[in-house]
């Protein structure tokens, strides 16, 4: 890890009236904390894990429906394909988070 890097973590507890929190870097806990429902766009915070449905696979990346309400995109540069074909790895109708 380097200074300034974002680290995915899950809050597992708090002490001292909420002034100190305990975090876990366990990836399995982190993936279970994704949002599946929201009431408005303000409910989603930057860096928060959300459930999304792939609505289109395009040459520039993916089109998504986020939490069933909002449209979004993921640019090809952010998919970390490592030489894999985007059409083989991502299918329309697949849920991702």
PDB file of N, CA and C in Angstrom:
ATOM      1  N   UNK A   1       0.837  -1.175   0.000  1.00  0.00           N
ATOM      2  CA  UNK A   1       0.000   0.000   0.000  1.00  0.00           C
ATOM      3  C   UNK A   1       0.884   1.241   0.000  1.00  0.00           C
ATOM      4  N   UNK A   2       0.338   2.295  -0.598  1.00  0.00           N
ATOM      5  CA  UNK A   2       1.065   3.550  -0.632  1.00  0.00           C
ATOM      6  C   UNK A   2       0.204   4.652  -0.026  1.00  0.00           C
ATOM      7  N   UNK A   3       0.846   5.703   0.437  1.00  0.00           N
ATOM      8  CA  UNK A   3       0.133   6.832   1.025  1.00  0.00           C
ATOM      9  C   UNK A   3      -0.829   7.423   0.004  1.00  0.00           C
ATOM     10  N   UNK A   4      -2.072   7.634   0.398  1.00  0.00           N
ATOM     11  CA  UNK A   4      -3.084   8.216  -0.464  1.00  0.00           C
ATOM     12  C   UNK A   4      -3.913   7.204  -1.218  1.00  0.00           C
ATOM     13  N   UNK A   5      -3.544   5.934  -1.154  1.00  0.00           N
ATOM     14  CA  UNK A   5      -4.274   4.879  -1.853  1.00  0.00           C
ATOM     15  C   UNK A   5      -5.609   4.618  -1.169  1.00  0.00           C
ATOM     16  N   UNK A   6      -6.657   4.400  -1.968  1.00  0.00           N
ATOM     17  CA  UNK A   6      -7.949   4.000  -1.405  1.00  0.00           C
ATOM     18  C   UNK A   6      -7.876   2.544  -1.003  1.00  0.00           C
ATOM     19  N   UNK A   7      -8.376   2.237   0.186  1.00  0.00           N
ATOM     20  CA  UNK A   7      -8.339   0.876   0.703  1.00  0.00           C
ATOM     21  C   UNK A   7      -9.772   0.449   1.003  1.00  0.00           C
ATOM     22  N   UNK A   8     -10.287  -0.591   0.311  1.00  0.00           N
ATOM     23  CA  UNK A   8     -11.643  -1.055   0.611  1.00  0.00           C
ATOM     24  C   UNK A   8     -11.687  -1.718   1.984  1.00  0.00           C
ATOM     25  N   UNK A   9     -12.562  -1.229   2.833  1.00  0.00           N
ATOM     26  CA  UNK A   9     -12.663  -1.752   4.199  1.00  0.00           C
ATOM     27  C   UNK A   9     -14.120  -1.733   4.640  1.00  0.00           C
ATOM     28  N   UNK A  10     -14.400  -2.499   5.681  1.00  0.00           N
ATOM     29  CA  UNK A  10     -15.736  -2.553   6.268  1.00  0.00           C
ATOM     30  C   UNK A  10     -15.638  -2.184   7.739  1.00  0.00           C
ATOM     31  N   UNK A  11     -16.541  -1.323   8.199  1.00  0.00           N
ATOM     32  CA  UNK A  11     -16.583  -0.976   9.627  1.00  0.00           C
ATOM     33  C   UNK A  11     -17.178  -2.158  10.372  1.00  0.00           C
ATOM     34  N   UNK A  12     -16.449  -2.647  11.366  1.00  0.00           N
ATOM     35  CA  UNK A  12     -16.916  -3.807  12.122  1.00  0.00           C
ATOM     36  C   UNK A  12     -17.363  -3.446  13.536  1.00  0.00           C
ATOM     37  N   UNK A  13     -17.075  -2.242  13.977  1.00  0.00           N
ATOM     38  CA  UNK A  13     -17.488  -1.840  15.318  1.00  0.00           C
ATOM     39  C   UNK A  13     -17.015  -0.435  15.636  1.00  0.00           C
ATOM     40  N   UNK A  14     -17.480   0.076  16.770  1.00  0.00           N
ATOM     41  CA  UNK A  14     -17.036   1.398  17.215  1.00  0.00           C
ATOM     42  C   UNK A  14     -16.958   1.424  18.734  1.00  0.00           C
ATOM     43  N   UNK A  15     -16.140   2.326  19.230  1.00  0.00           N
ATOM     44  CA  UNK A  15     -15.974   2.505  20.672  1.00  0.00           C
ATOM     45  C   UNK A  15     -15.914   3.993  20.971  1.00  0.00           C
ATOM     46  N   UNK A  16     -15.860   4.321  22.217  1.00  0.00           N
ATOM     47  CA  UNK A  16     -15.727   5.717  22.675  1.00  0.00           C
ATOM     48  C   UNK A  16     -16.778   6.620  22.048  1.00  0.00           C
ATOM     49  N   UNK A  17     -18.023   6.173  22.096  1.00  0.00           N
ATOM     50  CA  UNK A  17     -19.124   6.999  21.589  1.00  0.00           C
ATOM     51  C   UNK A  17     -19.065   7.227  20.088  1.00  0.00           C
ATOM     52  N   UNK A  18     -18.463   6.313  19.363  1.00  0.00           N
ATOM     53  CA  UNK A  18     -18.387   6.439  17.919  1.00  0.00           C
ATOM     54  C   UNK A  18     -17.202   7.234  17.421  1.00  0.00           C
ATOM     55  N   UNK A  19     -16.338   7.675  18.330  1.00  0.00           N
ATOM     56  CA  UNK A  19     -15.168   8.469  17.920  1.00  0.00           C
ATOM     57  C   UNK A  19     -14.048   7.592  17.383  1.00  0.00           C
ATOM     58  N   UNK A  20     -14.057   6.315  17.726  1.00  0.00           N
ATOM     59  CA  UNK A  20     -13.052   5.370  17.237  1.00  0.00           C
ATOM     60  C   UNK A  20     -13.794   4.219  16.574  1.00  0.00           C
ATOM     61  N   UNK A  21     -13.395   3.883  15.364  1.00  0.00           N
ATOM     62  CA  UNK A  21     -14.038   2.773  14.672  1.00  0.00           C
ATOM     63  C   UNK A  21     -13.029   1.659  14.419  1.00  0.00           C
ATOM     64  N   UNK A  22     -13.546   0.441  14.322  1.00  0.00           N
ATOM     65  CA  UNK A  22     -12.723  -0.722  14.006  1.00  0.00           C
ATOM     66  C   UNK A  22     -13.035  -1.122  12.573  1.00  0.00           C
ATOM     67  N   UNK A  23     -11.995  -1.368  11.777  1.00  0.00           N
ATOM     68  CA  UNK A  23     -12.152  -1.718  10.376  1.00  0.00           C
ATOM     69  C   UNK A  23     -11.646  -3.120  10.105  1.00  0.00           C
ATOM     70  N   UNK A  24     -12.192  -3.734   9.073  1.00  0.00           N
ATOM     71  CA  UNK A  24     -11.692  -5.018   8.590  1.00  0.00           C
ATOM     72  C   UNK A  24     -11.335  -4.858   7.124  1.00  0.00           C
ATOM     73  N   UNK A  25     -10.201  -5.411   6.729  1.00  0.00           N
ATOM     74  CA  UNK A  25      -9.796  -5.402   5.325  1.00  0.00           C
ATOM     75  C   UNK A  25     -10.159  -6.708   4.628  1.00  0.00           C
ATOM     76  N   UNK A  26     -10.951  -7.547   5.297  1.00  0.00           N
ATOM     77  CA  UNK A  26     -11.383  -8.834   4.749  1.00  0.00           C
ATOM     78  C   UNK A  26     -12.288  -8.588   3.536  1.00  0.00           C
ATOM     79  N   UNK A  27     -11.839  -9.010   2.362  1.00  0.00           N
ATOM     80  CA  UNK A  27     -12.572  -8.761   1.125  1.00  0.00           C
ATOM     81  C   UNK A  27     -13.960  -9.401   1.138  1.00  0.00           C
ATOM     82  N   UNK A  28     -14.118 -10.558   1.778  1.00  0.00           N
ATOM     83  CA  UNK A  28     -15.422 -11.218   1.792  1.00  0.00           C
ATOM     84  C   UNK A  28     -16.449 -10.394   2.578  1.00  0.00           C
ATOM     85  N   UNK A  29     -16.021  -9.705   3.623  1.00  0.00           N
ATOM     86  CA  UNK A  29     -16.927  -8.815   4.355  1.00  0.00           C
ATOM     87  C   UNK A  29     -17.283  -7.603   3.507  1.00  0.00           C
ATOM     88  N   UNK A  30     -16.296  -7.066   2.820  1.00  0.00           N
ATOM     89  CA  UNK A  30     -16.496  -5.868   2.006  1.00  0.00           C
ATOM     90  C   UNK A  30     -17.515  -6.109   0.897  1.00  0.00           C
ATOM     91  N   UNK A  31     -17.431  -7.248   0.231  1.00  0.00           N
ATOM     92  CA  UNK A  31     -18.351  -7.518  -0.871  1.00  0.00           C
ATOM     93  C   UNK A  31     -19.776  -7.760  -0.399  1.00  0.00           C
ATOM     94  N   UNK A  32     -19.968  -8.100   0.866  1.00  0.00           N
ATOM     95  CA  UNK A  32     -21.321  -8.306   1.409  1.00  0.00           C
ATOM     96  C   UNK A  32     -21.988  -6.995   1.802  1.00  0.00           C
ATOM     97  N   UNK A  33     -21.246  -5.882   1.795  1.00  0.00           N
ATOM     98  CA  UNK A  33     -21.780  -4.612   2.252  1.00  0.00           C
ATOM     99  C   UNK A  33     -22.260  -3.723   1.110  1.00  0.00           C
ATOM    100  N   UNK A  34     -22.477  -4.277  -0.068  1.00  0.00           N
ATOM    101  CA  UNK A  34     -22.890  -3.451  -1.200  1.00  0.00           C
ATOM    102  C   UNK A  34     -24.350  -3.036  -1.055  1.00  0.00           C
ATOM    103  N   UNK A  35     -24.662  -1.886  -1.631  1.00  0.00           N
ATOM    104  CA  UNK A  35     -26.038  -1.397  -1.645  1.00  0.00           C
ATOM    105  C   UNK A  35     -26.810  -2.111  -2.732  1.00  0.00           C
ATOM    106  N   UNK A  36     -28.002  -2.573  -2.433  1.00  0.00           N
ATOM    107  CA  UNK A  36     -28.845  -3.176  -3.457  1.00  0.00           C
ATOM    108  C   UNK A  36     -30.075  -2.314  -3.717  1.00  0.00           C
ATOM    109  N   UNK A  37     -30.400  -1.439  -2.777  1.00  0.00           N
ATOM    110  CA  UNK A  37     -31.550  -0.547  -2.937  1.00  0.00           C
ATOM    111  C   UNK A  37     -31.190   0.842  -2.435  1.00  0.00           C
ATOM    112  N   UNK A  38     -31.690   1.861  -3.132  1.00  0.00           N
ATOM    113  CA  UNK A  38     -31.526   3.244  -2.695  1.00  0.00           C
ATOM    114  C   UNK A  38     -32.812   3.998  -2.990  1.00  0.00           C
ATOM    115  N   UNK A  39     -33.056   5.066  -2.242  1.00  0.00           N
ATOM    116  CA  UNK A  39     -34.258   5.852  -2.477  1.00  0.00           C
ATOM    117  C   UNK A  39     -33.989   7.037  -3.397  1.00  0.00           C
ATOM    118  N   UNK A  40     -32.751   7.553  -3.375  1.00  0.00           N
ATOM    119  CA  UNK A  40     -32.380   8.630  -4.289  1.00  0.00           C
ATOM    120  C   UNK A  40     -30.867   8.615  -4.498  1.00  0.00           C
ATOM    121  N   UNK A  41     -30.409   9.380  -5.456  1.00  0.00           N
ATOM    122  CA  UNK A  41     -28.990   9.368  -5.821  1.00  0.00           C
ATOM    123  C   UNK A  41     -28.104   9.850  -4.673  1.00  0.00           C
ATOM    124  N   UNK A  42     -28.632  10.671  -3.782  1.00  0.00           N
ATOM    125  CA  UNK A  42     -27.849  11.161  -2.644  1.00  0.00           C
ATOM    126  C   UNK A  42     -27.547  10.052  -1.635  1.00  0.00           C
ATOM    127  N   UNK A  43     -28.237   8.927  -1.738  1.00  0.00           N
ATOM    128  CA  UNK A  43     -27.987   7.792  -0.843  1.00  0.00           C
ATOM    129  C   UNK A  43     -26.684   7.076  -1.162  1.00  0.00           C
ATOM    130  N   UNK A  44     -26.146   7.294  -2.365  1.00  0.00           N
ATOM    131  CA  UNK A  44     -24.913   6.631  -2.781  1.00  0.00           C
ATOM    132  C   UNK A  44     -23.748   7.573  -2.542  1.00  0.00           C
ATOM    133  N   UNK A  45     -22.775   7.114  -1.779  1.00  0.00           N
ATOM    134  CA  UNK A  45     -21.604   7.920  -1.463  1.00  0.00           C
ATOM    135  C   UNK A  45     -20.422   7.503  -2.328  1.00  0.00           C
ATOM    136  N   UNK A  46     -19.492   8.429  -2.613  1.00  0.00           N
ATOM    137  CA  UNK A  46     -18.308   8.069  -3.395  1.00  0.00           C
ATOM    138  C   UNK A  46     -17.551   6.907  -2.748  1.00  0.00           C
ATOM    139  N   UNK A  47     -17.170   5.943  -3.556  1.00  0.00           N
ATOM    140  CA  UNK A  47     -16.430   4.792  -3.073  1.00  0.00           C
ATOM    141  C   UNK A  47     -17.286   3.659  -2.546  1.00  0.00           C
ATOM    142  N   UNK A  48     -18.590   3.850  -2.511  1.00  0.00           N
ATOM    143  CA  UNK A  48     -19.490   2.829  -1.981  1.00  0.00           C
ATOM    144  C   UNK A  48     -19.724   1.742  -3.026  1.00  0.00           C
ATOM    145  N   UNK A  49     -19.765   0.502  -2.591  1.00  0.00           N
ATOM    146  CA  UNK A  49     -19.994  -0.631  -3.472  1.00  0.00           C
ATOM    147  C   UNK A  49     -21.489  -0.746  -3.746  1.00  0.00           C
ATOM    148  N   UNK A  50     -21.854  -0.827  -5.029  1.00  0.00           N
ATOM    149  CA  UNK A  50     -23.264  -0.912  -5.413  1.00  0.00           C
ATOM    150  C   UNK A  50     -23.490  -2.125  -6.310  1.00  0.00           C
ATOM    151  N   UNK A  51     -24.718  -2.604  -6.332  1.00  0.00           N
ATOM    152  CA  UNK A  51     -25.110  -3.684  -7.234  1.00  0.00           C
ATOM    153  C   UNK A  51     -25.528  -3.050  -8.556  1.00  0.00           C
ATOM    154  N   UNK A  52     -25.066  -3.629  -9.667  1.00  0.00           N
ATOM    155  CA  UNK A  52     -25.395  -3.083 -10.978  1.00  0.00           C
ATOM    156  C   UNK A  52     -25.701  -4.222 -11.951  1.00  0.00           C
ATOM    157  N   UNK A  53     -26.538  -3.918 -12.925  1.00  0.00           N
ATOM    158  CA  UNK A  53     -26.917  -4.874 -13.953  1.00  0.00           C
ATOM    159  C   UNK A  53     -26.336  -4.385 -15.279  1.00  0.00           C
ATOM    160  N   UNK A  54     -25.617  -5.241 -15.980  1.00  0.00           N
ATOM    161  CA  UNK A  54     -25.039  -4.869 -17.268  1.00  0.00           C
ATOM    162  C   UNK A  54     -26.161  -4.797 -18.305  1.00  0.00           C
ATOM    163  N   UNK A  55     -26.336  -3.612 -18.913  1.00  0.00           N
ATOM    164  CA  UNK A  55     -27.387  -3.433 -19.920  1.00  0.00           C
ATOM    165  C   UNK A  55     -26.818  -3.440 -21.335  1.00  0.00           C
ATOM    166  N   UNK A  56     -25.507  -3.182 -21.476  1.00  0.00           N
ATOM    167  CA  UNK A  56     -24.877  -3.221 -22.796  1.00  0.00           C
ATOM    168  C   UNK A  56     -23.369  -3.370 -22.634  1.00  0.00           C
ATOM    169  N   UNK A  57     -22.777  -4.134 -23.535  1.00  0.00           N
ATOM    170  CA  UNK A  57     -21.323  -4.243 -23.621  1.00  0.00           C
ATOM    171  C   UNK A  57     -20.939  -3.533 -24.912  1.00  0.00           C
ATOM    172  N   UNK A  58     -20.207  -2.425 -24.781  1.00  0.00           N
ATOM    173  CA  UNK A  58     -19.839  -1.599 -25.930  1.00  0.00           C
ATOM    174  C   UNK A  58     -18.316  -1.547 -26.044  1.00  0.00           C
ATOM    175  N   UNK A  59     -17.780  -1.166 -27.193  1.00  0.00           N
ATOM    176  CA  UNK A  59     -16.326  -1.136 -27.360  1.00  0.00           C
ATOM    177  C   UNK A  59     -15.598  -0.252 -26.333  1.00  0.00           C
ATOM    178  N   UNK A  60     -16.284   0.761 -25.823  1.00  0.00           N
ATOM    179  CA  UNK A  60     -15.647   1.656 -24.850  1.00  0.00           C
ATOM    180  C   UNK A  60     -15.809   1.195 -23.407  1.00  0.00           C
ATOM    181  N   UNK A  61     -16.575   0.110 -23.147  1.00  0.00           N
ATOM    182  CA  UNK A  61     -16.756  -0.391 -21.782  1.00  0.00           C
ATOM    183  C   UNK A  61     -18.123  -1.012 -21.563  1.00  0.00           C
ATOM    184  N   UNK A  62     -18.739  -0.674 -20.425  1.00  0.00           N
ATOM    185  CA  UNK A  62     -20.037  -1.256 -20.058  1.00  0.00           C
ATOM    186  C   UNK A  62     -21.050  -0.165 -19.763  1.00  0.00           C
ATOM    187  N   UNK A  63     -22.298  -0.426 -20.116  1.00  0.00           N
ATOM    188  CA  UNK A  63     -23.416   0.395 -19.669  1.00  0.00           C
ATOM    189  C   UNK A  63     -24.131  -0.396 -18.584  1.00  0.00           C
ATOM    190  N   UNK A  64     -24.543   0.280 -17.519  1.00  0.00           N
ATOM    191  CA  UNK A  64     -25.112  -0.386 -16.352  1.00  0.00           C
ATOM    192  C   UNK A  64     -26.400   0.271 -15.889  1.00  0.00           C
ATOM    193  N   UNK A  65     -27.196  -0.485 -15.170  1.00  0.00           N
ATOM    194  CA  UNK A  65     -28.337   0.038 -14.411  1.00  0.00           C
ATOM    195  C   UNK A  65     -27.957  -0.185 -12.956  1.00  0.00           C
ATOM    196  N   UNK A  66     -27.780   0.900 -12.207  1.00  0.00           N
ATOM    197  CA  UNK A  66     -27.285   0.843 -10.834  1.00  0.00           C
ATOM    198  C   UNK A  66     -28.458   0.872  -9.865  1.00  0.00           C
ATOM    199  N   UNK A  67     -28.522  -0.142  -9.002  1.00  0.00           N
ATOM    200  CA  UNK A  67     -29.582  -0.277  -8.000  1.00  0.00           C
ATOM    201  C   UNK A  67     -30.971  -0.202  -8.611  1.00  0.00           C
ATOM    202  N   UNK A  68     -31.095  -0.549  -9.883  1.00  0.00           N
ATOM    203  CA  UNK A  68     -32.389  -0.581 -10.547  1.00  0.00           C
ATOM    204  C   UNK A  68     -32.955   0.759 -10.944  1.00  0.00           C
ATOM    205  N   UNK A  69     -32.274   1.865 -10.627  1.00  0.00           N
ATOM    206  CA  UNK A  69     -32.808   3.194 -10.904  1.00  0.00           C
ATOM    207  C   UNK A  69     -31.947   4.041 -11.823  1.00  0.00           C
ATOM    208  N   UNK A  70     -30.634   3.973 -11.668  1.00  0.00           N
ATOM    209  CA  UNK A  70     -29.745   4.931 -12.292  1.00  0.00           C
ATOM    210  C   UNK A  70     -28.910   4.277 -13.384  1.00  0.00           C
ATOM    211  N   UNK A  71     -28.715   4.998 -14.483  1.00  0.00           N
ATOM    212  CA  UNK A  71     -27.866   4.522 -15.557  1.00  0.00           C
ATOM    213  C   UNK A  71     -26.433   4.952 -15.283  1.00  0.00           C
ATOM    214  N   UNK A  72     -25.484   4.094 -15.661  1.00  0.00           N
ATOM    215  CA  UNK A  72     -24.082   4.422 -15.457  1.00  0.00           C
ATOM    216  C   UNK A  72     -23.218   3.737 -16.492  1.00  0.00           C
ATOM    217  N   UNK A  73     -21.955   4.097 -16.518  1.00  0.00           N
ATOM    218  CA  UNK A  73     -20.995   3.489 -17.432  1.00  0.00           C
ATOM    219  C   UNK A  73     -19.704   3.175 -16.683  1.00  0.00           C
ATOM    220  N   UNK A  74     -18.995   2.173 -17.191  1.00  0.00           N
ATOM    221  CA  UNK A  74     -17.648   1.884 -16.711  1.00  0.00           C
ATOM    222  C   UNK A  74     -16.756   1.890 -17.937  1.00  0.00           C
ATOM    223  N   UNK A  75     -15.762   2.758 -17.929  1.00  0.00           N
ATOM    224  CA  UNK A  75     -14.843   2.872 -19.046  1.00  0.00           C
ATOM    225  C   UNK A  75     -13.957   1.634 -19.131  1.00  0.00           C
ATOM    226  N   UNK A  76     -13.590   1.258 -20.329  1.00  0.00           N
ATOM    227  CA  UNK A  76     -12.756   0.092 -20.583  1.00  0.00           C
ATOM    228  C   UNK A  76     -11.469   0.117 -19.753  1.00  0.00           C
ATOM    229  N   UNK A  77     -10.907   1.284 -19.535  1.00  0.00           N
ATOM    230  CA  UNK A  77      -9.663   1.413 -18.772  1.00  0.00           C
ATOM    231  C   UNK A  77      -9.821   0.979 -17.315  1.00  0.00           C
ATOM    232  N   UNK A  78     -11.037   0.988 -16.793  1.00  0.00           N
ATOM    233  CA  UNK A  78     -11.283   0.645 -15.393  1.00  0.00           C
ATOM    234  C   UNK A  78     -11.725  -0.808 -15.193  1.00  0.00           C
ATOM    235  N   UNK A  79     -11.763  -1.595 -16.254  1.00  0.00           N
ATOM    236  CA  UNK A  79     -12.246  -2.975 -16.149  1.00  0.00           C
ATOM    237  C   UNK A  79     -11.162  -4.000 -15.859  1.00  0.00           C
ATOM    238  N   UNK A  80      -9.893  -3.623 -15.996  1.00  0.00           N
ATOM    239  CA  UNK A  80      -8.779  -4.520 -15.660  1.00  0.00           C
ATOM    240  C   UNK A  80      -8.923  -5.874 -16.372  1.00  0.00           C
ATOM    241  N   UNK A  81      -9.044  -5.831 -17.684  1.00  0.00           N
ATOM    242  CA  UNK A  81      -9.279  -7.051 -18.467  1.00  0.00           C
ATOM    243  C   UNK A  81      -8.039  -7.925 -18.619  1.00  0.00           C
ATOM    244  N   UNK A  82      -6.854  -7.354 -18.549  1.00  0.00           N
ATOM    245  CA  UNK A  82      -5.590  -8.109 -18.677  1.00  0.00           C
ATOM    246  C   UNK A  82      -5.579  -8.987 -19.921  1.00  0.00           C
ATOM    247  N   UNK A  83      -5.931  -8.410 -21.063  1.00  0.00           N
ATOM    248  CA  UNK A  83      -5.894  -9.145 -22.327  1.00  0.00           C
ATOM    249  C   UNK A  83      -7.130  -9.965 -22.627  1.00  0.00           C
ATOM    250  N   UNK A  84      -8.069 -10.061 -21.699  1.00  0.00           N
ATOM    251  CA  UNK A  84      -9.304 -10.826 -21.932  1.00  0.00           C
ATOM    252  C   UNK A  84     -10.240 -10.041 -22.851  1.00  0.00           C
ATOM    253  N   UNK A  85     -11.101 -10.738 -23.548  1.00  0.00           N
ATOM    254  CA  UNK A  85     -12.082 -10.118 -24.422  1.00  0.00           C
ATOM    255  C   UNK A  85     -13.268  -9.641 -23.577  1.00  0.00           C
ATOM    256  N   UNK A  86     -13.641  -8.379 -23.745  1.00  0.00           N
ATOM    257  CA  UNK A  86     -14.734  -7.801 -22.943  1.00  0.00           C
ATOM    258  C   UNK A  86     -16.041  -8.562 -23.175  1.00  0.00           C
ATOM    259  N   UNK A  87     -16.296  -9.014 -24.411  1.00  0.00           N
ATOM    260  CA  UNK A  87     -17.540  -9.733 -24.712  1.00  0.00           C
ATOM    261  C   UNK A  87     -17.601 -11.102 -24.045  1.00  0.00           C
ATOM    262  N   UNK A  88     -16.440 -11.703 -23.795  1.00  0.00           N
ATOM    263  CA  UNK A  88     -16.405 -13.007 -23.133  1.00  0.00           C
ATOM    264  C   UNK A  88     -16.550 -12.892 -21.619  1.00  0.00           C
ATOM    265  N   UNK A  89     -15.950 -11.845 -21.051  1.00  0.00           N
ATOM    266  CA  UNK A  89     -15.954 -11.688 -19.596  1.00  0.00           C
ATOM    267  C   UNK A  89     -17.254 -11.102 -19.057  1.00  0.00           C
ATOM    268  N   UNK A  90     -17.860 -10.172 -19.791  1.00  0.00           N
ATOM    269  CA  UNK A  90     -19.065  -9.479 -19.319  1.00  0.00           C
ATOM    270  C   UNK A  90     -20.216  -9.740 -20.280  1.00  0.00           C
ATOM    271  N   UNK A  91     -21.343 -10.171 -19.750  1.00  0.00           N
ATOM    272  CA  UNK A  91     -22.532 -10.504 -20.546  1.00  0.00           C
ATOM    273  C   UNK A  91     -23.700  -9.610 -20.130  1.00  0.00           C
ATOM    274  N   UNK A  92     -24.534  -9.249 -21.107  1.00  0.00           N
ATOM    275  CA  UNK A  92     -25.734  -8.461 -20.827  1.00  0.00           C
ATOM    276  C   UNK A  92     -26.626  -9.265 -19.890  1.00  0.00           C
ATOM    277  N   UNK A  93     -27.146  -8.618 -18.850  1.00  0.00           N
ATOM    278  CA  UNK A  93     -28.015  -9.260 -17.883  1.00  0.00           C
ATOM    279  C   UNK A  93     -27.285  -9.780 -16.652  1.00  0.00           C
ATOM    280  N   UNK A  94     -25.948  -9.774 -16.674  1.00  0.00           N
ATOM    281  CA  UNK A  94     -25.164 -10.229 -15.529  1.00  0.00           C
ATOM    282  C   UNK A  94     -25.133  -9.145 -14.454  1.00  0.00           C
ATOM    283  N   UNK A  95     -25.276  -9.555 -13.198  1.00  0.00           N
ATOM    284  CA  UNK A  95     -25.167  -8.616 -12.080  1.00  0.00           C
ATOM    285  C   UNK A  95     -23.713  -8.536 -11.626  1.00  0.00           C
ATOM    286  N   UNK A  96     -23.240  -7.319 -11.408  1.00  0.00           N
ATOM    287  CA  UNK A  96     -21.879  -7.089 -10.940  1.00  0.00           C
ATOM    288  C   UNK A  96     -21.914  -6.124  -9.766  1.00  0.00           C
ATOM    289  N   UNK A  97     -20.860  -6.131  -8.963  1.00  0.00           N
ATOM    290  CA  UNK A  97     -20.760  -5.146  -7.879  1.00  0.00           C
ATOM    291  C   UNK A  97     -19.326  -4.716  -7.730  1.00  0.00           C
TER     292      UNK A  97
END
